[in-house]
Amino acid sequence: MASTAERLTTLVNENIEVDGQPLSIPDDLNISLIDSGVSSMDIVALAKLVSQEFSVEFTVEECTSLKTLSEVVGFLDGKAA
């Protein structure tokens, strides 16, 4: 089975673009979607996909506190433990 990081990267690659171009996601996932120009609507849509893929729910506070994809991976791994 793919790791959390791999699964999240796949979701982002398949669903998020900025100005019609895919994001360049570093291996350490230390990237902020907001700082990369992803719209808030796309982030909400991605959060819904992540919720479905990983069978977790995000509170509003959790969504706003997770700044990088790396932090999202840590959150998801923590929920799975």
PDB file of N, CA and C in Angstrom:
ATOM      1  N   MET A   1       0.839  -1.186   0.000  1.00  0.00           N
ATOM      2  CA  MET A   1       0.000   0.000   0.000  1.00  0.00           C
ATOM      3  C   MET A   1       0.884   1.249   0.000  1.00  0.00           C
ATOM      4  N   ALA A   2       0.430   2.258  -0.703  1.00  0.00           N
ATOM      5  CA  ALA A   2       1.194   3.509  -0.792  1.00  0.00           C
ATOM      6  C   ALA A   2       1.178   4.232   0.553  1.00  0.00           C
ATOM      7  N   SER A   3       2.237   4.977   0.804  1.00  0.00           N
ATOM      8  CA  SER A   3       2.330   5.745   2.042  1.00  0.00           C
ATOM      9  C   SER A   3       1.342   6.915   2.009  1.00  0.00           C
ATOM     10  N   THR A   4       1.123   7.497   3.162  1.00  0.00           N
ATOM     11  CA  THR A   4       0.254   8.669   3.254  1.00  0.00           C
ATOM     12  C   THR A   4       0.770   9.774   2.345  1.00  0.00           C
ATOM     13  N   ALA A   5       2.065  10.014   2.370  1.00  0.00           N
ATOM     14  CA  ALA A   5       2.656  11.067   1.540  1.00  0.00           C
ATOM     15  C   ALA A   5       2.422  10.789   0.052  1.00  0.00           C
ATOM     16  N   GLU A   6       2.591   9.555  -0.357  1.00  0.00           N
ATOM     17  CA  GLU A   6       2.383   9.205  -1.762  1.00  0.00           C
ATOM     18  C   GLU A   6       0.923   9.376  -2.159  1.00  0.00           C
ATOM     19  N   ARG A   7       0.027   8.940  -1.317  1.00  0.00           N
ATOM     20  CA  ARG A   7      -1.407   9.070  -1.598  1.00  0.00           C
ATOM     21  C   ARG A   7      -1.823  10.542  -1.674  1.00  0.00           C
ATOM     22  N   LEU A   8      -1.319  11.355  -0.745  1.00  0.00           N
ATOM     23  CA  LEU A   8      -1.653  12.779  -0.752  1.00  0.00           C
ATOM     24  C   LEU A   8      -1.071  13.459  -1.980  1.00  0.00           C
ATOM     25  N   THR A   9       0.157  13.137  -2.329  1.00  0.00           N
ATOM     26  CA  THR A   9       0.784  13.712  -3.521  1.00  0.00           C
ATOM     27  C   THR A   9      -0.021  13.368  -4.771  1.00  0.00           C
ATOM     28  N   THR A  10      -0.483  12.148  -4.864  1.00  0.00           N
ATOM     29  CA  THR A  10      -1.297  11.727  -6.003  1.00  0.00           C
ATOM     30  C   THR A  10      -2.584  12.531  -6.079  1.00  0.00           C
ATOM     31  N   LEU A  11      -3.249  12.709  -4.929  1.00  0.00           N
ATOM     32  CA  LEU A  11      -4.482  13.509  -4.914  1.00  0.00           C
ATOM     33  C   LEU A  11      -4.225  14.938  -5.392  1.00  0.00           C
ATOM     34  N   VAL A  12      -3.160  15.537  -4.917  1.00  0.00           N
ATOM     35  CA  VAL A  12      -2.830  16.903  -5.323  1.00  0.00           C
ATOM     36  C   VAL A  12      -2.507  16.937  -6.820  1.00  0.00           C
ATOM     37  N   ASN A  13      -1.671  16.022  -7.270  1.00  0.00           N
ATOM     38  CA  ASN A  13      -1.282  16.007  -8.682  1.00  0.00           C
ATOM     39  C   ASN A  13      -2.476  15.806  -9.610  1.00  0.00           C
ATOM     40  N   GLU A  14      -3.441  15.015  -9.183  1.00  0.00           N
ATOM     41  CA  GLU A  14      -4.596  14.718 -10.027  1.00  0.00           C
ATOM     42  C   GLU A  14      -5.678  15.793  -9.977  1.00  0.00           C
ATOM     43  N   ASN A  15      -5.643  16.670  -8.966  1.00  0.00           N
ATOM     44  CA  ASN A  15      -6.770  17.569  -8.763  1.00  0.00           C
ATOM     45  C   ASN A  15      -6.441  19.054  -8.648  1.00  0.00           C
ATOM     46  N   ILE A  16      -5.183  19.411  -8.505  1.00  0.00           N
ATOM     47  CA  ILE A  16      -4.833  20.818  -8.273  1.00  0.00           C
ATOM     48  C   ILE A  16      -3.925  21.345  -9.376  1.00  0.00           C
ATOM     49  N   GLU A  17      -4.307  22.500  -9.906  1.00  0.00           N
ATOM     50  CA  GLU A  17      -3.478  23.217 -10.868  1.00  0.00           C
ATOM     51  C   GLU A  17      -3.496  24.693 -10.502  1.00  0.00           C
ATOM     52  N   VAL A  18      -2.440  25.383 -10.860  1.00  0.00           N
ATOM     53  CA  VAL A  18      -2.378  26.834 -10.710  1.00  0.00           C
ATOM     54  C   VAL A  18      -2.090  27.400 -12.087  1.00  0.00           C
ATOM     55  N   ASP A  19      -2.979  28.235 -12.561  1.00  0.00           N
ATOM     56  CA  ASP A  19      -2.861  28.816 -13.906  1.00  0.00           C
ATOM     57  C   ASP A  19      -2.702  27.736 -14.972  1.00  0.00           C
ATOM     58  N   GLY A  20      -3.432  26.635 -14.806  1.00  0.00           N
ATOM     59  CA  GLY A  20      -3.405  25.560 -15.785  1.00  0.00           C
ATOM     60  C   GLY A  20      -2.191  24.663 -15.736  1.00  0.00           C
ATOM     61  N   GLN A  21      -1.333  24.867 -14.743  1.00  0.00           N
ATOM     62  CA  GLN A  21      -0.108  24.067 -14.619  1.00  0.00           C
ATOM     63  C   GLN A  21      -0.130  23.264 -13.331  1.00  0.00           C
ATOM     64  N   PRO A  22       0.376  22.020 -13.359  1.00  0.00           N
ATOM     65  CA  PRO A  22       0.454  21.241 -12.116  1.00  0.00           C
ATOM     66  C   PRO A  22       1.472  21.864 -11.164  1.00  0.00           C
ATOM     67  N   LEU A  23       1.279  21.619  -9.874  1.00  0.00           N
ATOM     68  CA  LEU A  23       2.235  22.099  -8.879  1.00  0.00           C
ATOM     69  C   LEU A  23       3.502  21.266  -8.918  1.00  0.00           C
ATOM     70  N   SER A  24       4.591  21.881  -8.598  1.00  0.00           N
ATOM     71  CA  SER A  24       5.844  21.161  -8.422  1.00  0.00           C
ATOM     72  C   SER A  24       5.985  20.892  -6.924  1.00  0.00           C
ATOM     73  N   ILE A  25       5.734  19.668  -6.524  1.00  0.00           N
ATOM     74  CA  ILE A  25       5.722  19.319  -5.110  1.00  0.00           C
ATOM     75  C   ILE A  25       7.078  18.731  -4.723  1.00  0.00           C
ATOM     76  N   PRO A  26       7.752  19.353  -3.754  1.00  0.00           N
ATOM     77  CA  PRO A  26       9.052  18.818  -3.326  1.00  0.00           C
ATOM     78  C   PRO A  26       8.883  17.484  -2.606  1.00  0.00           C
ATOM     79  N   ASP A  27       9.943  16.683  -2.592  1.00  0.00           N
ATOM     80  CA  ASP A  27       9.895  15.368  -1.955  1.00  0.00           C
ATOM     81  C   ASP A  27       9.535  15.440  -0.479  1.00  0.00           C
ATOM     82  N   ASP A  28       9.946  16.515   0.208  1.00  0.00           N
ATOM     83  CA  ASP A  28       9.662  16.619   1.643  1.00  0.00           C
ATOM     84  C   ASP A  28       8.270  17.192   1.918  1.00  0.00           C
ATOM     85  N   LEU A  29       7.518  17.499   0.864  1.00  0.00           N
ATOM     86  CA  LEU A  29       6.157  18.040   0.949  1.00  0.00           C
ATOM     87  C   LEU A  29       6.079  19.350   1.723  1.00  0.00           C
ATOM     88  N   ASN A  30       7.181  20.047   1.816  1.00  0.00           N
ATOM     89  CA  ASN A  30       7.214  21.318   2.520  1.00  0.00           C
ATOM     90  C   ASN A  30       6.763  22.422   1.560  1.00  0.00           C
ATOM     91  N   ILE A  31       5.476  22.392   1.244  1.00  0.00           N
ATOM     92  CA  ILE A  31       4.893  23.353   0.314  1.00  0.00           C
ATOM     93  C   ILE A  31       3.541  23.790   0.849  1.00  0.00           C
ATOM     94  N   SER A  32       3.309  25.070   0.800  1.00  0.00           N
ATOM     95  CA  SER A  32       2.023  25.633   1.200  1.00  0.00           C
ATOM     96  C   SER A  32       1.185  25.818  -0.056  1.00  0.00           C
ATOM     97  N   LEU A  33      -0.011  25.231  -0.065  1.00  0.00           N
ATOM     98  CA  LEU A  33      -0.873  25.391  -1.228  1.00  0.00           C
ATOM     99  C   LEU A  33      -1.292  26.845  -1.403  1.00  0.00           C
ATOM    100  N   ILE A  34      -1.569  27.522  -0.309  1.00  0.00           N
ATOM    101  CA  ILE A  34      -1.972  28.928  -0.385  1.00  0.00           C
ATOM    102  C   ILE A  34      -0.846  29.771  -0.972  1.00  0.00           C
ATOM    103  N   ASP A  35       0.372  29.581  -0.439  1.00  0.00           N
ATOM    104  CA  ASP A  35       1.518  30.348  -0.942  1.00  0.00           C
ATOM    105  C   ASP A  35       1.849  30.007  -2.393  1.00  0.00           C
ATOM    106  N   SER A  36       1.417  28.832  -2.839  1.00  0.00           N
ATOM    107  CA  SER A  36       1.676  28.408  -4.216  1.00  0.00           C
ATOM    108  C   SER A  36       0.635  28.935  -5.194  1.00  0.00           C
ATOM    109  N   GLY A  37      -0.373  29.633  -4.666  1.00  0.00           N
ATOM    110  CA  GLY A  37      -1.381  30.231  -5.535  1.00  0.00           C
ATOM    111  C   GLY A  37      -2.638  29.413  -5.727  1.00  0.00           C
ATOM    112  N   VAL A  38      -2.811  28.354  -4.942  1.00  0.00           N
ATOM    113  CA  VAL A  38      -4.012  27.535  -5.041  1.00  0.00           C
ATOM    114  C   VAL A  38      -5.178  28.307  -4.412  1.00  0.00           C
ATOM    115  N   SER A  39      -6.290  28.343  -5.089  1.00  0.00           N
ATOM    116  CA  SER A  39      -7.445  29.088  -4.584  1.00  0.00           C
ATOM    117  C   SER A  39      -8.048  28.397  -3.359  1.00  0.00           C
ATOM    118  N   SER A  40      -8.723  29.187  -2.552  1.00  0.00           N
ATOM    119  CA  SER A  40      -9.363  28.628  -1.361  1.00  0.00           C
ATOM    120  C   SER A  40     -10.443  27.621  -1.756  1.00  0.00           C
ATOM    121  N   MET A  41     -11.113  27.849  -2.857  1.00  0.00           N
ATOM    122  CA  MET A  41     -12.130  26.896  -3.330  1.00  0.00           C
ATOM    123  C   MET A  41     -11.487  25.550  -3.672  1.00  0.00           C
ATOM    124  N   ASP A  42     -10.330  25.589  -4.321  1.00  0.00           N
ATOM    125  CA  ASP A  42      -9.634  24.342  -4.653  1.00  0.00           C
ATOM    126  C   ASP A  42      -9.130  23.643  -3.395  1.00  0.00           C
ATOM    127  N   ILE A  43      -8.715  24.412  -2.394  1.00  0.00           N
ATOM    128  CA  ILE A  43      -8.254  23.809  -1.145  1.00  0.00           C
ATOM    129  C   ILE A  43      -9.408  23.122  -0.426  1.00  0.00           C
ATOM    130  N   VAL A  44     -10.571  23.737  -0.422  1.00  0.00           N
ATOM    131  CA  VAL A  44     -11.754  23.116   0.193  1.00  0.00           C
ATOM    132  C   VAL A  44     -12.115  21.828  -0.546  1.00  0.00           C
ATOM    133  N   ALA A  45     -12.074  21.871  -1.871  1.00  0.00           N
ATOM    134  CA  ALA A  45     -12.370  20.676  -2.659  1.00  0.00           C
ATOM    135  C   ALA A  45     -11.355  19.575  -2.373  1.00  0.00           C
ATOM    136  N   LEU A  46     -10.082  19.949  -2.256  1.00  0.00           N
ATOM    137  CA  LEU A  46      -9.048  18.967  -1.939  1.00  0.00           C
ATOM    138  C   LEU A  46      -9.270  18.388  -0.543  1.00  0.00           C
ATOM    139  N   ALA A  47      -9.649  19.225   0.422  1.00  0.00           N
ATOM    140  CA  ALA A  47      -9.908  18.739   1.777  1.00  0.00           C
ATOM    141  C   ALA A  47     -11.015  17.694   1.771  1.00  0.00           C
ATOM    142  N   LYS A  48     -12.030  17.898   0.945  1.00  0.00           N
ATOM    143  CA  LYS A  48     -13.111  16.906   0.833  1.00  0.00           C
ATOM    144  C   LYS A  48     -12.583  15.595   0.251  1.00  0.00           C
ATOM    145  N   LEU A  49     -11.737  15.697  -0.763  1.00  0.00           N
ATOM    146  CA  LEU A  49     -11.155  14.489  -1.356  1.00  0.00           C
ATOM    147  C   LEU A  49     -10.260  13.758  -0.353  1.00  0.00           C
ATOM    148  N   VAL A  50      -9.468  14.511   0.394  1.00  0.00           N
ATOM    149  CA  VAL A  50      -8.589  13.917   1.405  1.00  0.00           C
ATOM    150  C   VAL A  50      -9.436  13.228   2.473  1.00  0.00           C
ATOM    151  N   SER A  51     -10.525  13.876   2.888  1.00  0.00           N
ATOM    152  CA  SER A  51     -11.424  13.286   3.879  1.00  0.00           C
ATOM    153  C   SER A  51     -11.960  11.949   3.395  1.00  0.00           C
ATOM    154  N   GLN A  52     -12.359  11.894   2.136  1.00  0.00           N
ATOM    155  CA  GLN A  52     -12.881  10.652   1.566  1.00  0.00           C
ATOM    156  C   GLN A  52     -11.790   9.590   1.442  1.00  0.00           C
ATOM    157  N   GLU A  53     -10.647   9.982   0.914  1.00  0.00           N
ATOM    158  CA  GLU A  53      -9.546   9.037   0.679  1.00  0.00           C
ATOM    159  C   GLU A  53      -9.038   8.413   1.966  1.00  0.00           C
ATOM    160  N   PHE A  54      -8.948   9.223   3.034  1.00  0.00           N
ATOM    161  CA  PHE A  54      -8.347   8.763   4.275  1.00  0.00           C
ATOM    162  C   PHE A  54      -9.375   8.495   5.376  1.00  0.00           C
ATOM    163  N   SER A  55     -10.646   8.644   5.064  1.00  0.00           N
ATOM    164  CA  SER A  55     -11.730   8.404   6.026  1.00  0.00           C
ATOM    165  C   SER A  55     -11.532   9.193   7.319  1.00  0.00           C
ATOM    166  N   VAL A  56     -11.261  10.497   7.167  1.00  0.00           N
ATOM    167  CA  VAL A  56     -11.108  11.395   8.316  1.00  0.00           C
ATOM    168  C   VAL A  56     -11.960  12.638   8.068  1.00  0.00           C
ATOM    169  N   GLU A  57     -12.249  13.334   9.143  1.00  0.00           N
ATOM    170  CA  GLU A  57     -12.941  14.608   9.032  1.00  0.00           C
ATOM    171  C   GLU A  57     -12.044  15.695   9.581  1.00  0.00           C
ATOM    172  N   PHE A  58     -12.108  16.846   8.954  1.00  0.00           N
ATOM    173  CA  PHE A  58     -11.340  18.008   9.379  1.00  0.00           C
ATOM    174  C   PHE A  58     -12.287  18.993  10.045  1.00  0.00           C
ATOM    175  N   THR A  59     -11.887  19.560  11.167  1.00  0.00           N
ATOM    176  CA  THR A  59     -12.612  20.698  11.713  1.00  0.00           C
ATOM    177  C   THR A  59     -12.104  21.941  10.995  1.00  0.00           C
ATOM    178  N   VAL A  60     -12.840  23.028  11.115  1.00  0.00           N
ATOM    179  CA  VAL A  60     -12.400  24.285  10.512  1.00  0.00           C
ATOM    180  C   VAL A  60     -11.033  24.678  11.074  1.00  0.00           C
ATOM    181  N   GLU A  61     -10.857  24.503  12.381  1.00  0.00           N
ATOM    182  CA  GLU A  61      -9.590  24.849  13.027  1.00  0.00           C
ATOM    183  C   GLU A  61      -8.445  24.016  12.476  1.00  0.00           C
ATOM    184  N   GLU A  62      -8.686  22.733  12.275  1.00  0.00           N
ATOM    185  CA  GLU A  62      -7.640  21.861  11.732  1.00  0.00           C
ATOM    186  C   GLU A  62      -7.280  22.272  10.307  1.00  0.00           C
ATOM    187  N   CYS A  63      -8.280  22.584   9.523  1.00  0.00           N
ATOM    188  CA  CYS A  63      -8.018  22.999   8.135  1.00  0.00           C
ATOM    189  C   CYS A  63      -7.161  24.252   8.082  1.00  0.00           C
ATOM    190  N   THR A  64      -7.448  25.207   8.943  1.00  0.00           N
ATOM    191  CA  THR A  64      -6.707  26.460   8.892  1.00  0.00           C
ATOM    192  C   THR A  64      -5.338  26.364   9.548  1.00  0.00           C
ATOM    193  N   SER A  65      -5.151  25.386  10.430  1.00  0.00           N
ATOM    194  CA  SER A  65      -3.862  25.284  11.116  1.00  0.00           C
ATOM    195  C   SER A  65      -2.837  24.477  10.323  1.00  0.00           C
ATOM    196  N   LEU A  66      -3.274  23.673   9.388  1.00  0.00           N
ATOM    197  CA  LEU A  66      -2.360  22.856   8.585  1.00  0.00           C
ATOM    198  C   LEU A  66      -1.856  23.688   7.411  1.00  0.00           C
ATOM    199  N   LYS A  67      -0.622  24.125   7.499  1.00  0.00           N
ATOM    200  CA  LYS A  67      -0.079  25.069   6.514  1.00  0.00           C
ATOM    201  C   LYS A  67       0.609  24.408   5.320  1.00  0.00           C
ATOM    202  N   THR A  68       1.243  23.256   5.537  1.00  0.00           N
ATOM    203  CA  THR A  68       1.979  22.598   4.447  1.00  0.00           C
ATOM    204  C   THR A  68       1.445  21.184   4.237  1.00  0.00           C
ATOM    205  N   LEU A  69       1.758  20.620   3.090  1.00  0.00           N
ATOM    206  CA  LEU A  69       1.359  19.239   2.836  1.00  0.00           C
ATOM    207  C   LEU A  69       2.032  18.294   3.829  1.00  0.00           C
ATOM    208  N   SER A  70       3.229  18.629   4.254  1.00  0.00           N
ATOM    209  CA  SER A  70       3.921  17.827   5.257  1.00  0.00           C
ATOM    210  C   SER A  70       3.121  17.788   6.566  1.00  0.00           C
ATOM    211  N   GLU A  71       2.561  18.922   6.958  1.00  0.00           N
ATOM    212  CA  GLU A  71       1.736  18.969   8.169  1.00  0.00           C
ATOM    213  C   GLU A  71       0.453  18.163   7.988  1.00  0.00           C
ATOM    214  N   VAL A  72      -0.097  18.150   6.782  1.00  0.00           N
ATOM    215  CA  VAL A  72      -1.291  17.345   6.508  1.00  0.00           C
ATOM    216  C   VAL A  72      -0.959  15.859   6.658  1.00  0.00           C
ATOM    217  N   VAL A  73       0.194  15.449   6.152  1.00  0.00           N
ATOM    218  CA  VAL A  73       0.617  14.052   6.301  1.00  0.00           C
ATOM    219  C   VAL A  73       0.730  13.686   7.784  1.00  0.00           C
ATOM    220  N   GLY A  74       1.366  14.553   8.575  1.00  0.00           N
ATOM    221  CA  GLY A  74       1.483  14.298  10.011  1.00  0.00           C
ATOM    222  C   GLY A  74       0.129  14.194  10.681  1.00  0.00           C
ATOM    223  N   PHE A  75      -0.799  15.063  10.307  1.00  0.00           N
ATOM    224  CA  PHE A  75      -2.157  15.029  10.837  1.00  0.00           C
ATOM    225  C   PHE A  75      -2.832  13.710  10.494  1.00  0.00           C
ATOM    226  N   LEU A  76      -2.745  13.308   9.227  1.00  0.00           N
ATOM    227  CA  LEU A  76      -3.396  12.070   8.771  1.00  0.00           C
ATOM    228  C   LEU A  76      -2.780  10.852   9.454  1.00  0.00           C
ATOM    229  N   ASP A  77      -1.463  10.828   9.557  1.00  0.00           N
ATOM    230  CA  ASP A  77      -0.811   9.699  10.230  1.00  0.00           C
ATOM    231  C   ASP A  77      -1.205   9.648  11.697  1.00  0.00           C
ATOM    232  N   GLY A  78      -1.357  10.817  12.330  1.00  0.00           N
ATOM    233  CA  GLY A  78      -1.783  10.873  13.723  1.00  0.00           C
ATOM    234  C   GLY A  78      -3.204  10.354  13.902  1.00  0.00           C
ATOM    235  N   LYS A  79      -4.075  10.652  12.973  1.00  0.00           N
ATOM    236  CA  LYS A  79      -5.464  10.162  13.031  1.00  0.00           C
ATOM    237  C   LYS A  79      -5.523   8.655  12.834  1.00  0.00           C
ATOM    238  N   ALA A  80      -4.602   8.128  12.032  1.00  0.00           N
ATOM    239  CA  ALA A  80      -4.600   6.700  11.740  1.00  0.00           C
ATOM    240  C   ALA A  80      -4.044   5.878  12.900  1.00  0.00           C
ATOM    241  N   ALA A  81      -3.256   6.511  13.755  1.00  0.00           N
ATOM    242  CA  ALA A  81      -2.605   5.783  14.863  1.00  0.00           C
ATOM    243  C   ALA A  81      -3.580   5.396  15.946  1.00  0.00           C
TER     244      ALA A  81
END
